Amino acid sequence: MPESKDKPPKPPGPARIGDRLRHDLPSLIVRYVDRLRTDPLISRAQSLPNPLLEDHAMSFLSDLFQSLVVLENAEQLDDPDESELLGDGIRIQRLISELHGHQRYRLGWTEHALEREYQILREEVDSLVRRHAPDADRAGDFSWAIDVLNLRLNSARAASVAAYETAASESRT
């Protein structure tokens, strides 16, 4: 039976990446913040304290990785339970992303810097997934996870940028 276009692809049985990513979340946050600080396109990040740079990322990524755990454990859930959990996660991720866009506007970031931030986040998440699939044979087991994560990160970026633009237009009125 073909996969529904509304649902993410089902992971292969032996691939349990969600728990591994959640375990490595603190190290991912450190790398993400370090890259924000040193990126020339995000000059505002250099002078901000870590809690402001980390803000939203921990909760967003934790929920994002939890969505992989839900998919990996779908056989233990009824379809309505799985759909509810995934739907709740999507709404939580969207809200966090919107708050993030508003916050970055208040901190004086440019829209381009916000876009760059999401590019860095995507690169770091992709790198973390690939570290859990070091050889070519296992890499295919994790391609579904990269697809799901990239889809959600793209949605988060769009929500964040839209919120940023709303904050900018509200400040002009």
N, C-alpha and C. Protein backbone atom coordinates (compact mmCIF):
# COMPACT_ATOMS: atom_id res chain seq x y z
N MET A 1 0.84 -1.17 0.00
CA MET A 1 0.00 0.00 0.00
C MET A 1 0.89 1.24 0.00
N PRO A 2 0.66 2.24 -0.86
CA PRO A 2 1.51 3.43 -0.91
C PRO A 2 1.32 4.30 0.30
N GLU A 3 2.38 5.02 0.67
CA GLU A 3 2.33 5.96 1.79
C GLU A 3 1.42 7.13 1.45
N SER A 4 0.72 7.63 2.44
CA SER A 4 -0.11 8.82 2.27
C SER A 4 0.79 10.03 2.12
N LYS A 5 0.36 10.98 1.27
CA LYS A 5 1.16 12.19 1.09
C LYS A 5 1.10 13.09 2.31
N ASP A 6 0.10 12.86 3.18
CA ASP A 6 -0.05 13.69 4.38
C ASP A 6 0.80 13.19 5.54
N LYS A 7 1.29 11.98 5.45
CA LYS A 7 2.05 11.41 6.55
C LYS A 7 3.50 11.24 6.14
N PRO A 8 4.43 11.45 7.08
CA PRO A 8 5.85 11.23 6.77
C PRO A 8 6.10 9.75 6.49
N PRO A 9 7.18 9.45 5.78
CA PRO A 9 7.49 8.05 5.49
C PRO A 9 7.80 7.28 6.77
N LYS A 10 7.47 6.02 6.75
CA LYS A 10 7.75 5.16 7.90
C LYS A 10 9.22 4.77 7.89
N PRO A 11 9.86 4.79 9.05
CA PRO A 11 11.27 4.40 9.12
C PRO A 11 11.44 2.90 8.99
N PRO A 12 12.61 2.47 8.56
CA PRO A 12 12.89 1.03 8.56
C PRO A 12 12.96 0.54 10.01
N GLY A 13 12.62 -0.71 10.22
CA GLY A 13 12.56 -1.27 11.57
C GLY A 13 13.79 -1.04 12.45
N PRO A 14 15.00 -1.37 11.98
CA PRO A 14 16.15 -1.31 12.88
C PRO A 14 16.66 0.10 13.16
N ALA A 15 16.20 1.08 12.43
CA ALA A 15 16.73 2.44 12.60
C ALA A 15 15.99 3.15 13.72
N ARG A 16 16.65 3.39 14.80
CA ARG A 16 16.07 4.09 15.94
C ARG A 16 16.89 5.35 16.20
N ILE A 17 16.75 6.30 15.30
CA ILE A 17 17.58 7.50 15.34
C ILE A 17 17.06 8.55 16.32
N GLY A 18 15.75 8.61 16.53
CA GLY A 18 15.16 9.65 17.37
C GLY A 18 15.77 9.72 18.77
N ASP A 19 15.88 8.56 19.42
CA ASP A 19 16.48 8.54 20.76
C ASP A 19 17.93 8.96 20.74
N ARG A 20 18.66 8.55 19.72
CA ARG A 20 20.07 8.94 19.62
C ARG A 20 20.22 10.45 19.44
N LEU A 21 19.36 11.03 18.62
CA LEU A 21 19.42 12.48 18.41
C LEU A 21 19.07 13.22 19.69
N ARG A 22 18.05 12.76 20.40
CA ARG A 22 17.70 13.41 21.67
C ARG A 22 18.85 13.36 22.65
N HIS A 23 19.54 12.22 22.67
CA HIS A 23 20.69 12.07 23.57
C HIS A 23 21.81 13.06 23.24
N ASP A 24 21.99 13.34 21.96
CA ASP A 24 23.07 14.23 21.51
C ASP A 24 22.65 15.69 21.38
N LEU A 25 21.44 16.02 21.82
CA LEU A 25 20.94 17.38 21.69
C LEU A 25 21.83 18.42 22.36
N PRO A 26 22.33 18.21 23.57
CA PRO A 26 23.20 19.24 24.17
C PRO A 26 24.45 19.55 23.34
N SER A 27 25.08 18.53 22.78
CA SER A 27 26.28 18.80 21.97
C SER A 27 25.91 19.50 20.67
N LEU A 28 24.74 19.19 20.10
CA LEU A 28 24.29 19.88 18.90
C LEU A 28 24.08 21.37 19.20
N ILE A 29 23.49 21.68 20.34
CA ILE A 29 23.24 23.08 20.73
C ILE A 29 24.55 23.83 20.87
N VAL A 30 25.56 23.20 21.44
CA VAL A 30 26.86 23.85 21.59
C VAL A 30 27.45 24.17 20.22
N ARG A 31 27.41 23.22 19.30
CA ARG A 31 27.94 23.46 17.95
C ARG A 31 27.14 24.55 17.24
N TYR A 32 25.85 24.53 17.37
CA TYR A 32 24.96 25.52 16.75
C TYR A 32 25.29 26.93 17.26
N VAL A 33 25.39 27.10 18.56
CA VAL A 33 25.69 28.41 19.15
C VAL A 33 27.08 28.87 18.73
N ASP A 34 28.05 27.97 18.75
CA ASP A 34 29.41 28.33 18.30
C ASP A 34 29.40 28.84 16.86
N ARG A 35 28.64 28.17 16.01
CA ARG A 35 28.57 28.60 14.61
C ARG A 35 27.85 29.94 14.48
N LEU A 36 26.80 30.16 15.26
CA LEU A 36 26.11 31.45 15.21
C LEU A 36 27.08 32.58 15.58
N ARG A 37 27.85 32.35 16.62
CA ARG A 37 28.79 33.37 17.10
C ARG A 37 29.87 33.73 16.08
N THR A 38 30.28 32.76 15.30
CA THR A 38 31.41 32.99 14.40
C THR A 38 30.99 33.26 12.96
N ASP A 39 29.71 33.19 12.67
CA ASP A 39 29.27 33.40 11.30
C ASP A 39 29.24 34.89 10.98
N PRO A 40 29.94 35.33 9.94
CA PRO A 40 29.99 36.75 9.61
C PRO A 40 28.64 37.33 9.16
N LEU A 41 27.73 36.47 8.73
CA LEU A 41 26.41 36.94 8.31
C LEU A 41 25.46 37.17 9.48
N ILE A 42 25.90 36.72 10.67
CA ILE A 42 25.07 36.88 11.87
C ILE A 42 25.89 37.64 12.92
N SER A 43 26.33 38.81 12.56
CA SER A 43 27.23 39.57 13.44
C SER A 43 26.58 39.90 14.78
N ARG A 44 25.29 40.05 14.82
CA ARG A 44 24.60 40.37 16.08
C ARG A 44 24.80 39.27 17.14
N ALA A 45 25.01 38.04 16.71
CA ALA A 45 25.16 36.91 17.63
C ALA A 45 26.42 36.99 18.47
N GLN A 46 27.44 37.69 17.98
CA GLN A 46 28.72 37.74 18.68
C GLN A 46 28.61 38.32 20.08
N SER A 47 27.72 39.28 20.27
CA SER A 47 27.64 39.96 21.57
C SER A 47 26.52 39.45 22.47
N LEU A 48 25.74 38.51 22.00
CA LEU A 48 24.61 38.02 22.80
C LEU A 48 25.02 36.90 23.73
N PRO A 49 24.44 36.85 24.91
CA PRO A 49 24.74 35.75 25.84
C PRO A 49 24.17 34.42 25.32
N ASN A 50 24.78 33.34 25.72
CA ASN A 50 24.35 32.01 25.28
C ASN A 50 22.86 31.75 25.47
N PRO A 51 22.27 32.09 26.62
CA PRO A 51 20.84 31.78 26.77
C PRO A 51 19.96 32.40 25.66
N LEU A 52 20.32 33.56 25.16
CA LEU A 52 19.53 34.15 24.08
C LEU A 52 19.77 33.43 22.75
N LEU A 53 20.97 32.95 22.54
CA LEU A 53 21.24 32.22 21.30
C LEU A 53 20.65 30.81 21.34
N GLU A 54 20.64 30.22 22.52
CA GLU A 54 20.10 28.88 22.68
C GLU A 54 18.58 28.88 22.73
N ASP A 55 18.00 30.01 23.10
CA ASP A 55 16.56 30.11 23.32
C ASP A 55 15.79 29.56 22.14
N HIS A 56 14.82 28.79 22.42
CA HIS A 56 13.94 28.14 21.46
C HIS A 56 14.56 26.90 20.81
N ALA A 57 15.85 26.88 20.60
CA ALA A 57 16.47 25.75 19.88
C ALA A 57 16.31 24.44 20.66
N MET A 58 16.55 24.49 21.96
CA MET A 58 16.47 23.26 22.75
C MET A 58 15.05 22.68 22.71
N SER A 59 14.05 23.50 22.96
CA SER A 59 12.68 22.98 22.97
C SER A 59 12.23 22.59 21.57
N PHE A 60 12.58 23.39 20.57
CA PHE A 60 12.20 23.07 19.20
C PHE A 60 12.81 21.74 18.76
N LEU A 61 14.12 21.59 18.93
CA LEU A 61 14.79 20.37 18.48
C LEU A 61 14.36 19.16 19.29
N SER A 62 14.13 19.34 20.57
CA SER A 62 13.66 18.24 21.39
C SER A 62 12.33 17.72 20.86
N ASP A 63 11.42 18.62 20.56
CA ASP A 63 10.13 18.19 20.01
C ASP A 63 10.29 17.61 18.61
N LEU A 64 11.15 18.20 17.82
CA LEU A 64 11.41 17.69 16.47
C LEU A 64 11.93 16.26 16.52
N PHE A 65 12.88 16.00 17.39
CA PHE A 65 13.44 14.66 17.51
C PHE A 65 12.41 13.69 18.11
N GLN A 66 11.54 14.22 18.97
CA GLN A 66 10.48 13.38 19.52
C GLN A 66 9.55 12.88 18.42
N SER A 67 9.34 13.70 17.38
CA SER A 67 8.48 13.25 16.28
C SER A 67 9.08 12.02 15.60
N LEU A 68 10.40 11.93 15.54
CA LEU A 68 11.03 10.73 14.99
C LEU A 68 10.79 9.53 15.90
N VAL A 69 10.84 9.77 17.20
CA VAL A 69 10.57 8.68 18.16
C VAL A 69 9.15 8.17 17.96
N VAL A 70 8.19 9.08 17.77
CA VAL A 70 6.80 8.68 17.53
C VAL A 70 6.73 7.82 16.27
N LEU A 71 7.36 8.27 15.20
CA LEU A 71 7.33 7.49 13.95
C LEU A 71 7.99 6.12 14.12
N GLU A 72 9.07 6.09 14.87
CA GLU A 72 9.79 4.83 15.07
C GLU A 72 9.00 3.84 15.92
N ASN A 73 8.10 4.36 16.73
CA ASN A 73 7.31 3.51 17.61
C ASN A 73 5.86 3.42 17.17
N ALA A 74 5.60 3.73 15.92
CA ALA A 74 4.23 3.76 15.40
C ALA A 74 3.52 2.42 15.55
N GLU A 75 4.27 1.33 15.50
CA GLU A 75 3.62 0.01 15.61
C GLU A 75 2.97 -0.18 16.98
N GLN A 76 3.38 0.59 17.98
CA GLN A 76 2.80 0.49 19.31
C GLN A 76 1.63 1.46 19.50
N LEU A 77 1.38 2.30 18.51
CA LEU A 77 0.33 3.31 18.59
C LEU A 77 -0.76 3.02 17.57
N ASP A 78 -1.98 3.42 17.91
CA ASP A 78 -3.05 3.40 16.91
C ASP A 78 -2.83 4.57 15.98
N ASP A 79 -3.31 4.47 14.76
CA ASP A 79 -3.17 5.58 13.81
C ASP A 79 -3.68 6.90 14.37
N PRO A 80 -4.86 6.92 15.06
CA PRO A 80 -5.30 8.21 15.62
C PRO A 80 -4.34 8.75 16.69
N ASP A 81 -3.78 7.86 17.51
CA ASP A 81 -2.82 8.29 18.53
C ASP A 81 -1.58 8.89 17.87
N GLU A 82 -1.08 8.21 16.85
CA GLU A 82 0.10 8.69 16.14
C GLU A 82 -0.19 10.03 15.48
N SER A 83 -1.33 10.13 14.84
CA SER A 83 -1.70 11.38 14.16
C SER A 83 -1.83 12.53 15.15
N GLU A 84 -2.42 12.27 16.31
CA GLU A 84 -2.56 13.32 17.32
C GLU A 84 -1.20 13.76 17.83
N LEU A 85 -0.33 12.81 18.13
CA LEU A 85 1.00 13.16 18.64
C LEU A 85 1.78 13.96 17.61
N LEU A 86 1.74 13.52 16.36
CA LEU A 86 2.47 14.24 15.31
C LEU A 86 1.85 15.61 15.07
N GLY A 87 0.52 15.70 15.08
CA GLY A 87 -0.15 17.00 14.89
C GLY A 87 0.16 17.96 16.01
N ASP A 88 0.16 17.47 17.24
CA ASP A 88 0.52 18.32 18.38
C ASP A 88 1.95 18.81 18.23
N GLY A 89 2.84 17.91 17.84
CA GLY A 89 4.24 18.29 17.66
C GLY A 89 4.41 19.37 16.61
N ILE A 90 3.69 19.23 15.51
CA ILE A 90 3.77 20.24 14.44
C ILE A 90 3.29 21.59 14.94
N ARG A 91 2.22 21.61 15.71
CA ARG A 91 1.71 22.89 16.25
C ARG A 91 2.69 23.49 17.26
N ILE A 92 3.29 22.66 18.08
CA ILE A 92 4.28 23.14 19.05
C ILE A 92 5.49 23.72 18.31
N GLN A 93 5.98 23.01 17.30
CA GLN A 93 7.13 23.47 16.53
C GLN A 93 6.83 24.79 15.83
N ARG A 94 5.61 24.93 15.31
CA ARG A 94 5.23 26.17 14.63
C ARG A 94 5.20 27.34 15.62
N LEU A 95 4.61 27.12 16.80
CA LEU A 95 4.54 28.18 17.80
C LEU A 95 5.94 28.61 18.23
N ILE A 96 6.81 27.64 18.50
CA ILE A 96 8.18 27.97 18.88
C ILE A 96 8.86 28.76 17.77
N SER A 97 8.65 28.35 16.53
CA SER A 97 9.26 29.04 15.39
C SER A 97 8.77 30.47 15.27
N GLU A 98 7.48 30.68 15.48
CA GLU A 98 6.93 32.03 15.42
C GLU A 98 7.50 32.91 16.53
N LEU A 99 7.56 32.36 17.73
CA LEU A 99 8.15 33.11 18.84
C LEU A 99 9.61 33.44 18.55
N HIS A 100 10.30 32.52 17.92
CA HIS A 100 11.71 32.72 17.58
C HIS A 100 11.86 33.87 16.60
N GLY A 101 11.02 33.92 15.58
CA GLY A 101 11.07 35.00 14.61
C GLY A 101 10.83 36.36 15.25
N HIS A 102 9.84 36.42 16.14
CA HIS A 102 9.57 37.67 16.87
C HIS A 102 10.77 38.07 17.73
N GLN A 103 11.34 37.08 18.42
CA GLN A 103 12.47 37.38 19.29
C GLN A 103 13.67 37.88 18.50
N ARG A 104 13.98 37.23 17.39
CA ARG A 104 15.12 37.66 16.61
C ARG A 104 14.92 39.08 16.07
N TYR A 105 13.71 39.43 15.74
CA TYR A 105 13.44 40.81 15.31
C TYR A 105 13.74 41.78 16.46
N ARG A 106 13.24 41.46 17.66
CA ARG A 106 13.46 42.33 18.83
C ARG A 106 14.95 42.47 19.15
N LEU A 107 15.73 41.43 18.86
CA LEU A 107 17.17 41.46 19.14
C LEU A 107 17.97 42.18 18.07
N GLY A 108 17.30 42.65 17.02
CA GLY A 108 17.98 43.43 16.00
C GLY A 108 18.58 42.63 14.87
N TRP A 109 18.18 41.38 14.72
CA TRP A 109 18.68 40.57 13.62
C TRP A 109 18.04 41.02 12.32
N THR A 110 18.71 40.76 11.23
CA THR A 110 18.12 40.99 9.91
C THR A 110 17.37 39.71 9.51
N GLU A 111 16.51 39.85 8.53
CA GLU A 111 15.81 38.67 8.02
C GLU A 111 16.81 37.70 7.40
N HIS A 112 17.82 38.25 6.74
CA HIS A 112 18.86 37.41 6.14
C HIS A 112 19.60 36.61 7.23
N ALA A 113 19.86 37.23 8.37
CA ALA A 113 20.53 36.53 9.47
C ALA A 113 19.65 35.40 10.00
N LEU A 114 18.34 35.65 10.07
CA LEU A 114 17.41 34.61 10.52
C LEU A 114 17.42 33.43 9.54
N GLU A 115 17.41 33.72 8.26
CA GLU A 115 17.49 32.67 7.24
C GLU A 115 18.80 31.87 7.39
N ARG A 116 19.88 32.59 7.60
CA ARG A 116 21.19 31.94 7.76
C ARG A 116 21.20 31.05 9.01
N GLU A 117 20.55 31.51 10.06
CA GLU A 117 20.47 30.72 11.30
C GLU A 117 19.82 29.37 11.02
N TYR A 118 18.75 29.37 10.27
CA TYR A 118 18.08 28.11 9.95
C TYR A 118 18.94 27.23 9.04
N GLN A 119 19.70 27.84 8.18
CA GLN A 119 20.62 27.06 7.34
C GLN A 119 21.66 26.36 8.22
N ILE A 120 22.19 27.08 9.19
CA ILE A 120 23.16 26.49 10.12
C ILE A 120 22.51 25.36 10.91
N LEU A 121 21.31 25.61 11.41
CA LEU A 121 20.61 24.59 12.18
C LEU A 121 20.39 23.33 11.35
N ARG A 122 19.97 23.52 10.11
CA ARG A 122 19.75 22.38 9.21
C ARG A 122 21.06 21.62 8.99
N GLU A 123 22.15 22.32 8.76
CA GLU A 123 23.45 21.67 8.54
C GLU A 123 23.88 20.87 9.77
N GLU A 124 23.68 21.45 10.95
CA GLU A 124 24.08 20.76 12.18
C GLU A 124 23.22 19.53 12.44
N VAL A 125 21.92 19.62 12.18
CA VAL A 125 21.04 18.47 12.36
C VAL A 125 21.42 17.37 11.36
N ASP A 126 21.63 17.75 10.11
CA ASP A 126 22.02 16.79 9.08
C ASP A 126 23.34 16.10 9.46
N SER A 127 24.29 16.88 9.94
CA SER A 127 25.58 16.34 10.33
C SER A 127 25.42 15.34 11.49
N LEU A 128 24.56 15.67 12.44
CA LEU A 128 24.33 14.77 13.57
C LEU A 128 23.71 13.46 13.10
N VAL A 129 22.73 13.53 12.23
CA VAL A 129 22.12 12.30 11.71
C VAL A 129 23.17 11.47 10.99
N ARG A 130 23.98 12.11 10.17
CA ARG A 130 24.99 11.37 9.41
C ARG A 130 26.07 10.75 10.32
N ARG A 131 26.35 11.38 11.45
CA ARG A 131 27.31 10.79 12.39
C ARG A 131 26.77 9.48 12.96
N HIS A 132 25.45 9.35 12.98
CA HIS A 132 24.86 8.10 13.46
C HIS A 132 24.74 7.06 12.35
N ALA A 133 25.14 7.44 11.14
CA ALA A 133 25.13 6.52 10.00
C ALA A 133 26.47 6.62 9.28
N PRO A 134 27.57 6.25 9.91
CA PRO A 134 28.89 6.50 9.36
C PRO A 134 29.24 5.73 8.09
N ASP A 135 28.61 4.58 7.85
CA ASP A 135 28.97 3.86 6.63
C ASP A 135 27.81 3.89 5.63
N ALA A 136 28.14 3.67 4.39
CA ALA A 136 27.16 3.80 3.30
C ALA A 136 25.99 2.83 3.47
N ASP A 137 26.23 1.65 4.02
CA ASP A 137 25.15 0.68 4.18
C ASP A 137 24.08 1.18 5.12
N ARG A 138 24.50 1.82 6.19
CA ARG A 138 23.53 2.31 7.17
C ARG A 138 22.96 3.66 6.79
N ALA A 139 23.61 4.41 5.94
CA ALA A 139 23.14 5.75 5.58
C ALA A 139 21.72 5.71 5.02
N GLY A 140 21.40 4.68 4.24
CA GLY A 140 20.06 4.56 3.69
C GLY A 140 19.01 4.40 4.77
N ASP A 141 19.36 3.76 5.87
CA ASP A 141 18.42 3.59 6.98
C ASP A 141 18.01 4.92 7.59
N PHE A 142 18.84 5.92 7.40
CA PHE A 142 18.56 7.20 8.04
C PHE A 142 18.08 8.28 7.07
N SER A 143 18.02 7.95 5.79
CA SER A 143 17.59 8.97 4.82
C SER A 143 16.17 9.43 5.10
N TRP A 144 15.31 8.54 5.58
CA TRP A 144 13.94 8.93 5.93
C TRP A 144 13.97 10.00 7.02
N ALA A 145 14.88 9.86 7.99
CA ALA A 145 14.95 10.82 9.09
C ALA A 145 15.39 12.18 8.57
N ILE A 146 16.36 12.21 7.68
CA ILE A 146 16.81 13.48 7.10
C ILE A 146 15.67 14.14 6.34
N ASP A 147 14.90 13.33 5.60
CA ASP A 147 13.76 13.89 4.87
C ASP A 147 12.73 14.51 5.80
N VAL A 148 12.37 13.79 6.85
CA VAL A 148 11.39 14.30 7.81
C VAL A 148 11.91 15.56 8.50
N LEU A 149 13.14 15.53 8.95
CA LEU A 149 13.72 16.67 9.66
C LEU A 149 13.83 17.89 8.74
N ASN A 150 14.25 17.70 7.51
CA ASN A 150 14.35 18.82 6.58
C ASN A 150 12.98 19.42 6.28
N LEU A 151 11.98 18.59 6.14
CA LEU A 151 10.62 19.08 5.91
C LEU A 151 10.16 19.96 7.08
N ARG A 152 10.39 19.50 8.30
CA ARG A 152 9.96 20.24 9.49
C ARG A 152 10.82 21.50 9.67
N LEU A 153 12.11 21.42 9.37
CA LEU A 153 12.96 22.61 9.48
C LEU A 153 12.58 23.67 8.45
N ASN A 154 12.20 23.25 7.26
CA ASN A 154 11.74 24.20 6.25
C ASN A 154 10.46 24.90 6.70
N SER A 155 9.56 24.14 7.29
CA SER A 155 8.32 24.73 7.81
C SER A 155 8.61 25.69 8.96
N ALA A 156 9.55 25.32 9.80
CA ALA A 156 9.92 26.18 10.93
C ALA A 156 10.54 27.49 10.44
N ARG A 157 11.41 27.38 9.45
CA ARG A 157 12.02 28.59 8.88
C ARG A 157 10.96 29.50 8.30
N ALA A 158 10.02 28.95 7.56
CA ALA A 158 8.96 29.76 6.95
C ALA A 158 8.10 30.43 8.03
N ALA A 159 7.76 29.72 9.09
CA ALA A 159 6.97 30.30 10.17
C ALA A 159 7.74 31.39 10.90
N SER A 160 9.02 31.16 11.10
CA SER A 160 9.87 32.13 11.78
C SER A 160 10.01 33.41 10.96
N VAL A 161 10.25 33.26 9.67
CA VAL A 161 10.40 34.43 8.80
C VAL A 161 9.08 35.20 8.72
N ALA A 162 7.96 34.49 8.62
CA ALA A 162 6.65 35.17 8.58
C ALA A 162 6.41 35.95 9.87
N ALA A 163 6.77 35.38 11.01
CA ALA A 163 6.61 36.07 12.28
C ALA A 163 7.55 37.27 12.37
N TYR A 164 8.75 37.10 11.86
CA TYR A 164 9.72 38.21 11.82
C TYR A 164 9.12 39.36 11.00
N GLU A 165 8.59 39.06 9.83
CA GLU A 165 8.02 40.09 8.97
C GLU A 165 6.81 40.75 9.61
N THR A 166 6.00 39.99 10.33
CA THR A 166 4.88 40.57 11.06
C THR A 166 5.36 41.52 12.14
N ALA A 167 6.38 41.11 12.88
CA ALA A 167 6.94 41.99 13.92
C ALA A 167 7.49 43.26 13.30
N ALA A 168 8.15 43.14 12.18
CA ALA A 168 8.72 44.31 11.51
C ALA A 168 7.62 45.26 11.05
N SER A 169 6.56 44.72 10.47
CA SER A 169 5.48 45.60 9.98
C SER A 169 4.71 46.23 11.14
N GLU A 170 4.56 45.53 12.24
CA GLU A 170 3.87 46.09 13.41
C GLU A 170 4.68 47.22 14.03
N SER A 171 5.99 47.13 13.97
CA SER A 171 6.83 48.17 14.57
C SER A 171 6.81 49.44 13.74
N ARG A 172 6.49 49.32 12.45
CA ARG A 172 6.43 50.49 11.58
C ARG A 172 5.12 51.24 11.71
N THR A 173 4.11 50.61 12.28
CA THR A 173 2.79 51.28 12.40
C THR A 173 2.62 51.94 13.74
